[in-house]
Amino acid sequence: MARSSGVRGRRIGSGPAGESERGGDLVARVAVTFWCAGGHSTRTMFAAEAVAPATWDCHGCGMPAGQDRDNPPPALRVEPYKTHLAYVRERRSDADAEIILAQALARLRGTS
């Protein structure tokens, strides 16, 4: 017959069975509520001596949320994905492109 252990299913350092006290005093906390432009509210706990940030990410939609309910921060502008060609067109003008194309064609014609 197998013998069972009295510590089965217990965490290390959890203390004697039936102990309901925590292992220390809790730090003083304060609840701060943030509101986003979508109307969601997010309540977050901070230590009383900590400075709460001006903005926090909304748990509902991910937009930035501020502490002023009537004036939430604006939604972030999401720029569309740019292709490699779009970045090249930002750096080069059409005249530059014509010069580069002419040089490349000249090299190809000269080597073939």
C-alpha atoms as a PDB file:
ATOM      1  CA  MET A   1       0.000   0.000   0.000  1.00  0.00           C
ATOM      2  CA  ALA A   2       1.357   3.446  -1.016  1.00  0.00           C
ATOM      3  CA  ARG A   3       1.942   6.084   1.616  1.00  0.00           C
ATOM      4  CA  SER A   4       0.647   9.607   0.997  1.00  0.00           C
ATOM      5  CA  SER A   5       2.473  12.798   1.813  1.00  0.00           C
ATOM      6  CA  GLY A   6       0.914  15.500   3.984  1.00  0.00           C
ATOM      7  CA  VAL A   7       2.257  18.251   1.715  1.00  0.00           C
ATOM      8  CA  ARG A   8       0.583  17.075  -1.448  1.00  0.00           C
ATOM      9  CA  GLY A   9      -1.053  19.887  -3.428  1.00  0.00           C
ATOM     10  CA  ARG A  10       0.556  22.683  -1.378  1.00  0.00           C
ATOM     11  CA  ARG A  11       2.775  25.563  -2.426  1.00  0.00           C
ATOM     12  CA  ILE A  12       6.217  25.874  -0.946  1.00  0.00           C
ATOM     13  CA  GLY A  13       6.167  28.575   1.706  1.00  0.00           C
ATOM     14  CA  SER A  14       2.397  28.654   2.025  1.00  0.00           C
ATOM     15  CA  GLY A  15       2.524  28.206   5.807  1.00  0.00           C
ATOM     16  CA  PRO A  16       0.547  25.892   8.022  1.00  0.00           C
ATOM     17  CA  ALA A  17      -2.832  24.636   6.874  1.00  0.00           C
ATOM     18  CA  GLY A  18      -5.738  26.890   7.708  1.00  0.00           C
ATOM     19  CA  GLU A  19      -3.667  30.076   7.950  1.00  0.00           C
ATOM     20  CA  SER A  20      -5.674  32.915   6.418  1.00  0.00           C
ATOM     21  CA  GLU A  21      -3.283  35.796   7.072  1.00  0.00           C
ATOM     22  CA  ARG A  22      -1.119  37.217   4.339  1.00  0.00           C
ATOM     23  CA  GLY A  23       2.627  37.295   4.627  1.00  0.00           C
ATOM     24  CA  GLY A  24       2.909  41.038   5.331  1.00  0.00           C
ATOM     25  CA  ASP A  25       1.140  44.354   5.249  1.00  0.00           C
ATOM     26  CA  LEU A  26      -0.330  45.576   1.991  1.00  0.00           C
ATOM     27  CA  VAL A  27       0.886  48.889   0.627  1.00  0.00           C
ATOM     28  CA  ALA A  28      -1.647  51.722   0.488  1.00  0.00           C
ATOM     29  CA  ARG A  29      -3.271  51.836  -2.946  1.00  0.00           C
ATOM     30  CA  VAL A  30      -5.370  54.307  -4.880  1.00  0.00           C
ATOM     31  CA  ALA A  31      -7.732  53.588  -7.791  1.00  0.00           C
ATOM     32  CA  VAL A  32      -7.368  55.779 -10.886  1.00  0.00           C
ATOM     33  CA  THR A  33      -9.968  55.739 -13.653  1.00  0.00           C
ATOM     34  CA  PHE A  34      -9.044  56.451 -17.275  1.00  0.00           C
ATOM     35  CA  TRP A  35     -11.496  57.215 -20.115  1.00  0.00           C
ATOM     36  CA  CYS A  36     -10.912  56.750 -23.845  1.00  0.00           C
ATOM     37  CA  ALA A  37     -12.495  58.532 -26.817  1.00  0.00           C
ATOM     38  CA  GLY A  38     -14.721  55.471 -27.340  1.00  0.00           C
ATOM     39  CA  GLY A  39     -16.425  56.036 -23.983  1.00  0.00           C
ATOM     40  CA  HIS A  40     -14.847  53.080 -22.174  1.00  0.00           C
ATOM     41  CA  SER A  41     -13.548  53.436 -18.637  1.00  0.00           C
ATOM     42  CA  THR A  42     -10.543  51.559 -17.276  1.00  0.00           C
ATOM     43  CA  ARG A  43      -9.913  51.448 -13.537  1.00  0.00           C
ATOM     44  CA  THR A  44      -6.351  50.681 -12.471  1.00  0.00           C
ATOM     45  CA  MET A  45      -4.783  50.432  -9.027  1.00  0.00           C
ATOM     46  CA  PHE A  46      -1.541  52.249  -8.195  1.00  0.00           C
ATOM     47  CA  ALA A  47       0.512  52.557  -5.034  1.00  0.00           C
ATOM     48  CA  ALA A  48      -0.535  55.683  -3.107  1.00  0.00           C
ATOM     49  CA  GLU A  49       2.941  57.208  -3.340  1.00  0.00           C
ATOM     50  CA  ALA A  50       3.285  56.449  -7.079  1.00  0.00           C
ATOM     51  CA  VAL A  51       2.479  59.073  -9.701  1.00  0.00           C
ATOM     52  CA  ALA A  52      -0.221  57.841 -12.081  1.00  0.00           C
ATOM     53  CA  PRO A  53       0.640  58.287 -15.782  1.00  0.00           C
ATOM     54  CA  ALA A  54      -1.233  60.837 -17.883  1.00  0.00           C
ATOM     55  CA  THR A  55      -2.426  58.181 -20.349  1.00  0.00           C
ATOM     56  CA  TRP A  56      -3.185  54.471 -20.136  1.00  0.00           C
ATOM     57  CA  ASP A  57      -4.215  51.938 -22.770  1.00  0.00           C
ATOM     58  CA  CYS A  58      -7.961  51.239 -22.724  1.00  0.00           C
ATOM     59  CA  HIS A  59      -8.741  47.614 -21.845  1.00  0.00           C
ATOM     60  CA  GLY A  60     -11.802  47.687 -24.115  1.00  0.00           C
ATOM     61  CA  CYS A  61     -10.430  48.995 -27.396  1.00  0.00           C
ATOM     62  CA  GLY A  62      -6.692  49.657 -26.940  1.00  0.00           C
ATOM     63  CA  MET A  63      -6.936  53.388 -27.650  1.00  0.00           C
ATOM     64  CA  PRO A  64      -5.162  55.842 -25.336  1.00  0.00           C
ATOM     65  CA  ALA A  65      -7.226  56.834 -22.297  1.00  0.00           C
ATOM     66  CA  GLY A  66      -6.815  59.852 -20.028  1.00  0.00           C
ATOM     67  CA  GLN A  67      -7.962  60.853 -16.556  1.00  0.00           C
ATOM     68  CA  ASP A  68     -10.255  63.647 -17.803  1.00  0.00           C
ATOM     69  CA  ARG A  69     -13.607  62.083 -18.664  1.00  0.00           C
ATOM     70  CA  ASP A  70     -14.838  65.078 -20.686  1.00  0.00           C
ATOM     71  CA  ASN A  71     -11.611  65.469 -22.670  1.00  0.00           C
ATOM     72  CA  PRO A  72     -10.084  62.049 -23.464  1.00  0.00           C
ATOM     73  CA  PRO A  73      -6.933  61.908 -25.600  1.00  0.00           C
ATOM     74  CA  PRO A  74      -7.513  61.599 -29.347  1.00  0.00           C
ATOM     75  CA  ALA A  75      -7.248  58.237 -31.045  1.00  0.00           C
ATOM     76  CA  LEU A  76      -3.847  57.430 -32.519  1.00  0.00           C
ATOM     77  CA  ARG A  77      -3.531  57.931 -36.252  1.00  0.00           C
ATOM     78  CA  VAL A  78      -2.723  54.615 -37.869  1.00  0.00           C
ATOM     79  CA  GLU A  79      -0.780  55.033 -41.081  1.00  0.00           C
ATOM     80  CA  PRO A  80      -1.408  52.448 -43.782  1.00  0.00           C
ATOM     81  CA  TYR A  81       1.278  49.962 -44.736  1.00  0.00           C
ATOM     82  CA  LYS A  82       3.765  51.378 -47.215  1.00  0.00           C
ATOM     83  CA  THR A  83       5.418  49.306 -49.880  1.00  0.00           C
ATOM     84  CA  HIS A  84       9.093  49.537 -50.760  1.00  0.00           C
ATOM     85  CA  LEU A  85       8.155  51.461 -53.898  1.00  0.00           C
ATOM     86  CA  ALA A  86       6.271  54.069 -51.827  1.00  0.00           C
ATOM     87  CA  TYR A  87       9.383  54.698 -49.711  1.00  0.00           C
ATOM     88  CA  VAL A  88      11.533  54.985 -52.874  1.00  0.00           C
ATOM     89  CA  ARG A  89       9.098  57.509 -54.353  1.00  0.00           C
ATOM     90  CA  GLU A  90       9.386  59.607 -51.167  1.00  0.00           C
ATOM     91  CA  ARG A  91      13.183  59.739 -51.536  1.00  0.00           C
ATOM     92  CA  ARG A  92      13.477  60.175 -55.307  1.00  0.00           C
ATOM     93  CA  SER A  93      11.856  62.534 -57.783  1.00  0.00           C
ATOM     94  CA  ASP A  94      10.748  61.484 -61.267  1.00  0.00           C
ATOM     95  CA  ALA A  95      13.795  63.249 -62.726  1.00  0.00           C
ATOM     96  CA  ASP A  96      16.093  61.245 -60.426  1.00  0.00           C
ATOM     97  CA  ALA A  97      14.344  58.050 -61.490  1.00  0.00           C
ATOM     98  CA  GLU A  98      14.865  58.868 -65.206  1.00  0.00           C
ATOM     99  CA  ILE A  99      18.595  59.479 -64.617  1.00  0.00           C
ATOM    100  CA  ILE A 100      19.029  56.216 -62.674  1.00  0.00           C
ATOM    101  CA  LEU A 101      17.078  54.275 -65.327  1.00  0.00           C
ATOM    102  CA  ALA A 102      19.183  55.763 -68.136  1.00  0.00           C
ATOM    103  CA  GLN A 103      22.407  54.837 -66.298  1.00  0.00           C
ATOM    104  CA  ALA A 104      21.200  51.271 -65.701  1.00  0.00           C
ATOM    105  CA  LEU A 105      20.170  50.847 -69.342  1.00  0.00           C
ATOM    106  CA  ALA A 106      23.517  52.200 -70.499  1.00  0.00           C
ATOM    107  CA  ARG A 107      25.356  49.678 -68.337  1.00  0.00           C
ATOM    108  CA  LEU A 108      23.218  46.820 -69.654  1.00  0.00           C
ATOM    109  CA  ARG A 109      23.678  47.832 -73.287  1.00  0.00           C
ATOM    110  CA  GLY A 110      27.392  48.339 -72.823  1.00  0.00           C
ATOM    111  CA  THR A 111      28.017  44.888 -71.295  1.00  0.00           C
ATOM    112  CA  SER A 112      25.822  42.826 -73.612  1.00  0.00           C
END
